[in-house]
């Protein structure tokens, strides 16, 4: 994949069930920690790059724990949950400054009532910009589960899932061909699938290897030899 950035859009219709999550060496430890649920103090921070599967894994736990899922950008406190409640707060880097004190009180409430909380972010808590010292200290004490950079098996599974979520059936051999040439990142897999999906649907074409090669070359992602551009 080239360094040229493709336009990223939200991917609708993604399957979020436990059976839809592909476990590999890159995410096995994080998957075990999240789904195990026995976190010290009932709290856990899940980190990983964009597209790593944090939201999927968080929703798996939320489903099993009857947890409410909240985007950090929209968190403003409000009424405290019932004793023993379970909660997911996603994309902690987007937490508003005004939400810091309410979140600190929420953490105290969950700790006092036996509640559980899972937070997600691309970076670990120490890298978050938190102005309230007590909250920063509390968050940095969270146990950490990290989804590592993807291996080939996980990249292939991600591509297969993204295509399947949109009802697309790439011909045999296309996904291994893409994995051998793409940038080794979750974001690249998502961008590749999005580009091929949008183009194939707009042009009414099947996802064959020759067609995919032509699309990626036309987009400037591959060079004329069919290899990744610099």
Foldseek 3Di string as FASTA:
>chain_A
DDPDDDDDDDQPQFDQEPVLDDDDPQAPQVLCVLQVQPFVLQEEEEAAAPQLCPVSSNVNSCVVQVEAEEEQLPAQAPDADDQQHEYEYEAVLNHDQNRQVSVVVNSVRNSVRVYHYYYYHHDQLCPRDHPDVVSSVVRNPHHYRYRGFDDLVVLLSSLVSSCVSVPADADPPQSVLCSVAWDRHSVRSSSLSVQVVVVCVVVVHHRYNVVSLVSCVVVVQAPPVSHGDD
